[in-house]
């Protein structure tokens, strides 16, 4: 995972992402990647899975 923290307390899933970080352009080059689970990952100690991508439009 890049720039993603996930935590479960009881039945509440908390996702933490630092919006100031960047990991370069997406494959298409149209957006800047801020955070990603890089596919679907298991929620700790649970049966659920999560897939997350955070990105912003590339400045012109």
Protein backbone atom coordinates (compact mmCIF):
# COMPACT_ATOMS: atom_id res chain seq x y z
CA UNK A 1 0.00 0.00 0.00
CA UNK A 2 1.11 3.53 -0.75
CA UNK A 3 0.23 6.23 1.80
CA UNK A 4 -2.78 4.32 3.21
CA UNK A 5 -3.34 3.33 6.84
CA UNK A 6 -6.39 1.24 7.69
CA UNK A 7 -7.60 0.48 11.20
CA UNK A 8 -10.62 -1.33 12.62
CA UNK A 9 -12.09 -0.45 16.00
CA UNK A 10 -15.16 -2.57 16.74
CA UNK A 11 -17.15 -2.38 13.53
CA UNK A 12 -15.70 0.97 12.39
CA UNK A 13 -13.12 1.03 9.59
CA UNK A 14 -10.88 4.11 9.56
CA UNK A 15 -8.81 5.01 6.50
CA UNK A 16 -5.99 7.54 6.84
CA UNK A 17 -4.34 9.20 3.80
CA UNK A 18 -1.88 12.13 3.76
CA UNK A 19 -3.21 14.33 0.94
CA UNK A 20 0.11 16.22 0.73
CA UNK A 21 2.01 13.19 -0.62
CA UNK A 22 2.33 12.30 -4.29
CA UNK A 23 3.60 9.16 -6.02
CA UNK A 24 3.87 10.47 -9.56
CA UNK A 25 1.62 10.22 -12.60
CA UNK A 26 -0.87 7.44 -13.27
CA UNK A 27 -0.28 5.02 -16.14
CA UNK A 28 -2.35 7.25 -18.45
CA UNK A 29 -0.50 10.36 -17.29
CA UNK A 30 -3.76 12.25 -16.74
CA UNK A 31 -3.72 12.14 -12.93
CA UNK A 32 -1.27 12.26 -10.02
CA UNK A 33 -1.45 9.33 -7.61
CA UNK A 34 -1.75 10.34 -3.96
CA UNK A 35 -2.53 6.98 -2.34
CA UNK A 36 -3.43 3.43 -3.32
CA UNK A 37 -4.00 0.02 -1.82
CA UNK A 38 -2.60 -1.26 -5.15
CA UNK A 39 -5.53 -3.60 -5.68
CA UNK A 40 -7.92 -5.18 -3.21
CA UNK A 41 -6.54 -5.93 0.27
CA UNK A 42 -8.05 -7.62 3.31
CA UNK A 43 -9.35 -5.53 6.17
CA UNK A 44 -7.30 -6.55 9.24
CA UNK A 45 -8.92 -9.42 11.20
CA UNK A 46 -12.09 -9.27 9.04
CA UNK A 47 -13.56 -11.00 5.98
CA UNK A 48 -14.07 -7.72 4.09
CA UNK A 49 -11.74 -6.39 1.44
CA UNK A 50 -11.02 -2.82 0.36
CA UNK A 51 -9.69 -1.28 -2.86
CA UNK A 52 -8.76 2.40 -2.72
CA UNK A 53 -7.24 4.91 -5.15
CA UNK A 54 -6.83 8.59 -4.31
CA UNK A 55 -5.69 10.87 -7.13
CA UNK A 56 -6.00 14.38 -8.50
CA UNK A 57 -6.16 15.78 -11.98
CA UNK A 58 -2.74 16.70 -13.33
CA UNK A 59 -2.15 20.45 -13.64
CA UNK A 60 -2.01 21.70 -17.21
